[in-house]
Amino acid sequence: MRLRKMSAVIATAVAAALSLTACDGADNSDAGAAASAPAETSAGPGSPGGAGTTDAAESSPGGGGQASASASAPGSGAPSASSAGDMCRTADLSFSSSGGMAEGEVLIDLENTGSASCSMHGFPGLDLKGEDGTVSAERTSGRSAPTVTLAPGERTNFSLRFPPNTTGGSGVTFTSALVTPPDETHSHSVPLSVNIPAGSGSASRVTVTPVGSGK
């Protein structure tokens, strides 16, 4: 009877010891798990991985450079630096003719009758007209065109050159010249008497010099 009680006491003590050991192991396991778990990061607005990172990307030099280039581009409505306001217009010019330095040459005079200075540069257009038809003068080759500026009342000229009719025949007679100043589209008719030989080749020898070169 005494031996049975002692066995029961021993069994109870062993069970208690085993239970305490198991509890200690569990506590140590939980502590180890807690120690080995990674720290939790926050992606909130104030954290480096949240809105702060996005802001840094948006303010990078690449994005800022494109915005700056777009803002500095000139607008389509920028005023043009060029202006044709000082160009001599047909309506502000008077036209006349005078004898040239040689046979077969006529000077066409252009006077500024406007209220402001104007300028011309280049070859004029000129068509000789008569009962026998029309001949368009060609540009004289090898002649450079000066820029001529005329104050109100000033004049300039250019030369009309043609083969004079020395054949003894009637030739071809023109009674007027239709003159168009450089860079203009409006013409002015000048009374003129020009007689050239009949036949092929004569018309191609009718030429004009640049404005300002006939002085």
Protein backbone atom coordinates (compact mmCIF):
# COMPACT_ATOMS: atom_id res chain seq x y z
CA MET A 1 0.00 0.00 0.00
CA ARG A 2 2.80 2.40 0.83
CA LEU A 3 4.70 1.37 -2.28
CA ARG A 4 1.64 2.21 -4.47
CA LYS A 5 1.39 5.72 -2.97
CA MET A 6 5.06 6.42 -3.56
CA SER A 7 4.72 5.34 -7.21
CA ALA A 8 1.81 7.74 -7.63
CA VAL A 9 3.79 10.61 -6.14
CA ILE A 10 6.77 9.88 -8.37
CA ALA A 11 4.50 9.74 -11.45
CA THR A 12 2.90 13.06 -10.55
CA ALA A 13 6.29 14.72 -10.11
CA VAL A 14 7.54 13.42 -13.49
CA ALA A 15 4.39 14.69 -15.23
CA ALA A 16 4.79 18.11 -13.67
CA ALA A 17 8.41 18.28 -14.78
CA LEU A 18 7.54 17.31 -18.35
CA SER A 19 4.77 19.93 -18.47
CA LEU A 20 7.12 22.69 -17.25
CA THR A 21 9.72 21.75 -19.85
CA ALA A 22 7.13 21.85 -22.62
CA CYS A 23 5.97 25.32 -21.53
CA ASP A 24 9.51 26.67 -21.47
CA GLY A 25 10.12 25.32 -24.98
CA ALA A 26 7.00 26.97 -26.31
CA ASP A 27 7.89 30.31 -24.75
CA ASN A 28 11.41 30.14 -26.17
CA SER A 29 10.02 29.21 -29.62
CA ASP A 30 7.62 32.19 -29.59
CA ALA A 31 10.41 34.52 -28.51
CA GLY A 32 12.68 33.21 -31.26
CA ALA A 33 9.94 33.64 -33.86
CA ALA A 34 9.28 37.18 -32.69
CA ALA A 35 12.98 37.98 -32.83
CA SER A 36 13.42 36.55 -36.36
CA ALA A 37 10.29 38.24 -37.88
CA PRO A 38 11.17 41.19 -40.27
CA ALA A 39 10.25 44.67 -39.12
CA GLU A 40 7.02 45.93 -40.73
CA THR A 41 7.46 48.94 -43.05
CA SER A 42 4.98 51.67 -43.62
CA ALA A 43 4.04 52.94 -47.10
CA GLY A 44 2.18 55.93 -45.81
CA PRO A 45 2.53 59.42 -47.22
CA GLY A 46 5.33 60.39 -44.86
CA SER A 47 7.44 57.25 -45.37
CA PRO A 48 10.40 57.14 -47.82
CA GLY A 49 8.75 54.33 -49.80
CA GLY A 50 5.44 56.12 -50.30
CA ALA A 51 4.58 59.54 -51.65
CA GLY A 52 8.10 60.82 -50.92
CA THR A 53 9.58 58.45 -53.55
CA THR A 54 6.95 59.46 -56.12
CA ASP A 55 7.67 63.14 -55.54
CA ALA A 56 11.38 62.55 -56.05
CA ALA A 57 10.69 60.85 -59.40
CA GLU A 58 8.41 63.64 -60.58
CA SER A 59 11.02 66.28 -59.74
CA SER A 60 13.81 64.49 -61.62
CA PRO A 61 15.88 66.56 -64.12
CA GLY A 62 14.35 64.73 -67.10
CA GLY A 63 10.79 65.76 -66.38
CA GLY A 64 11.75 69.29 -65.38
CA GLY A 65 13.84 69.74 -68.60
CA GLN A 66 10.93 68.88 -70.89
CA ALA A 67 8.61 71.29 -69.13
CA SER A 68 11.19 74.08 -69.33
CA ALA A 69 11.77 73.52 -73.08
CA SER A 70 8.06 73.60 -73.78
CA ALA A 71 7.61 76.81 -71.82
CA SER A 72 10.49 78.55 -73.57
CA ALA A 73 9.33 77.70 -77.09
CA PRO A 74 8.28 80.85 -79.02
CA GLY A 75 4.56 81.28 -79.54
CA SER A 76 3.00 81.02 -83.00
CA GLY A 77 1.72 84.57 -82.68
CA ALA A 78 5.17 86.15 -82.34
CA PRO A 79 5.52 89.19 -84.61
CA SER A 80 7.62 88.75 -87.73
CA ALA A 81 10.90 90.69 -87.94
CA SER A 82 10.50 91.27 -91.69
CA SER A 83 8.34 94.01 -93.10
CA ALA A 84 7.54 95.08 -96.67
CA GLY A 85 6.16 98.46 -95.61
CA ASP A 86 9.12 100.36 -97.17
CA MET A 87 8.85 98.70 -100.59
CA CYS A 88 8.09 101.07 -103.46
CA ARG A 89 4.56 100.49 -104.72
CA THR A 90 3.40 101.15 -108.26
CA ALA A 91 0.70 103.50 -106.94
CA ASP A 92 3.37 105.70 -105.28
CA LEU A 93 5.58 106.01 -108.38
CA SER A 94 5.45 108.12 -111.53
CA PHE A 95 6.87 106.72 -114.80
CA SER A 96 8.51 108.47 -117.75
CA SER A 97 11.10 107.79 -120.45
CA SER A 98 14.18 109.59 -121.73
CA GLY A 99 16.92 108.97 -124.27
CA GLY A 100 19.77 106.70 -123.39
CA MET A 101 23.49 107.03 -123.93
CA ALA A 102 23.47 105.07 -127.18
CA GLU A 103 21.25 104.15 -130.09
CA GLY A 104 18.92 101.35 -129.11
CA GLU A 105 18.70 102.42 -125.45
CA VAL A 106 15.89 104.14 -123.53
CA LEU A 107 15.93 105.11 -119.85
CA ILE A 108 12.75 104.41 -117.88
CA ASP A 109 12.56 106.87 -114.96
CA LEU A 110 10.77 106.05 -111.69
CA GLU A 111 9.98 108.84 -109.20
CA ASN A 112 8.73 108.43 -105.64
CA THR A 113 5.50 110.46 -105.40
CA GLY A 114 4.54 109.03 -102.00
CA SER A 115 4.82 110.71 -98.60
CA ALA A 116 7.51 108.35 -97.22
CA SER A 117 10.80 106.88 -98.35
CA CYS A 118 10.69 103.54 -100.17
CA SER A 119 13.19 101.15 -101.67
CA MET A 120 13.56 98.85 -104.69
CA HIS A 121 15.89 95.97 -105.43
CA GLY A 122 16.09 93.84 -108.54
CA PHE A 123 14.97 93.74 -112.15
CA PRO A 124 11.73 95.32 -113.36
CA GLY A 125 9.29 93.64 -115.65
CA LEU A 126 8.74 95.29 -119.05
CA ASP A 127 6.55 94.37 -122.02
CA LEU A 128 6.72 96.28 -125.29
CA LYS A 129 3.29 96.58 -126.89
CA GLY A 130 2.17 97.56 -130.38
CA GLU A 131 -0.13 96.67 -133.24
CA ASP A 132 2.17 93.79 -134.20
CA GLY A 133 2.05 92.16 -130.78
CA THR A 134 3.91 92.08 -127.49
CA VAL A 135 7.53 91.37 -126.64
CA SER A 136 8.72 90.73 -123.07
CA ALA A 137 12.16 92.12 -122.26
CA GLU A 138 14.69 89.71 -120.79
CA ARG A 139 17.07 90.42 -117.93
CA THR A 140 20.59 91.54 -118.80
CA SER A 141 22.96 88.80 -117.76
CA GLY A 142 25.91 89.53 -115.49
CA ARG A 143 24.44 92.64 -113.88
CA SER A 144 24.13 92.86 -110.09
CA ALA A 145 21.10 94.60 -108.63
CA PRO A 146 21.73 97.44 -106.13
CA THR A 147 19.23 98.44 -103.46
CA VAL A 148 17.85 101.88 -104.26
CA THR A 149 16.15 104.01 -101.58
CA LEU A 150 14.10 106.98 -102.72
CA ALA A 151 12.98 109.84 -100.51
CA PRO A 152 9.77 111.60 -101.56
CA GLY A 153 10.46 113.44 -104.84
CA GLU A 154 13.62 111.46 -105.69
CA ARG A 155 13.94 109.30 -108.79
CA THR A 156 15.93 106.44 -110.24
CA ASN A 157 15.89 104.60 -113.56
CA PHE A 158 16.80 101.49 -115.50
CA SER A 159 17.78 100.90 -119.12
CA LEU A 160 15.71 99.32 -121.86
CA ARG A 161 17.93 98.05 -124.64
CA PHE A 162 16.88 96.80 -128.07
CA PRO A 163 18.35 96.28 -131.56
CA PRO A 164 17.66 99.44 -133.59
CA ASN A 165 16.13 98.95 -137.02
CA THR A 166 18.81 99.87 -139.53
CA THR A 167 17.65 97.49 -142.27
CA GLY A 168 15.73 100.10 -144.24
CA GLY A 169 12.54 98.11 -143.85
CA SER A 170 9.48 98.95 -141.81
CA GLY A 171 10.49 96.62 -138.99
CA VAL A 172 8.28 96.11 -135.94
CA THR A 173 7.07 99.17 -134.06
CA PHE A 174 5.98 99.31 -130.41
CA THR A 175 4.10 102.30 -129.02
CA SER A 176 4.13 101.67 -125.25
CA ALA A 177 5.93 99.84 -122.47
CA LEU A 178 4.11 98.11 -119.61
CA VAL A 179 6.43 98.48 -116.60
CA THR A 180 6.24 96.48 -113.36
CA PRO A 181 8.57 97.57 -110.51
CA PRO A 182 10.58 94.87 -108.66
CA ASP A 183 8.57 92.77 -106.19
CA GLU A 184 5.31 94.29 -107.44
CA THR A 185 2.34 92.79 -109.30
CA HIS A 186 0.76 96.03 -110.57
CA SER A 187 2.00 97.57 -113.81
CA HIS A 188 2.01 101.03 -115.35
CA SER A 189 1.87 101.87 -119.07
CA VAL A 190 4.48 104.32 -120.41
CA PRO A 191 4.10 105.87 -123.93
CA LEU A 192 7.12 104.83 -125.95
CA SER A 193 8.20 104.50 -129.59
CA VAL A 194 10.55 101.60 -130.31
CA ASN A 195 11.29 100.12 -133.73
CA ILE A 196 13.25 96.88 -134.10
CA PRO A 197 14.09 94.80 -137.17
CA ALA A 198 11.52 92.27 -138.28
CA GLY A 199 12.49 88.62 -138.20
CA SER A 200 13.48 85.99 -135.68
CA GLY A 201 16.09 86.82 -133.09
CA SER A 202 15.34 90.51 -132.73
CA ALA A 203 12.81 90.11 -129.92
CA SER A 204 15.26 88.06 -127.79
CA ARG A 205 17.68 90.98 -127.85
CA VAL A 206 15.24 93.28 -126.00
CA THR A 207 16.62 93.49 -122.43
CA VAL A 208 16.38 95.50 -119.20
CA THR A 209 18.99 96.32 -116.55
CA PRO A 210 18.32 96.28 -112.77
CA VAL A 211 16.67 99.34 -111.22
CA GLY A 212 19.34 101.86 -110.22
CA SER A 213 21.93 100.69 -112.72
CA GLY A 214 20.91 103.06 -115.54
CA LYS A 215 22.33 106.16 -113.87
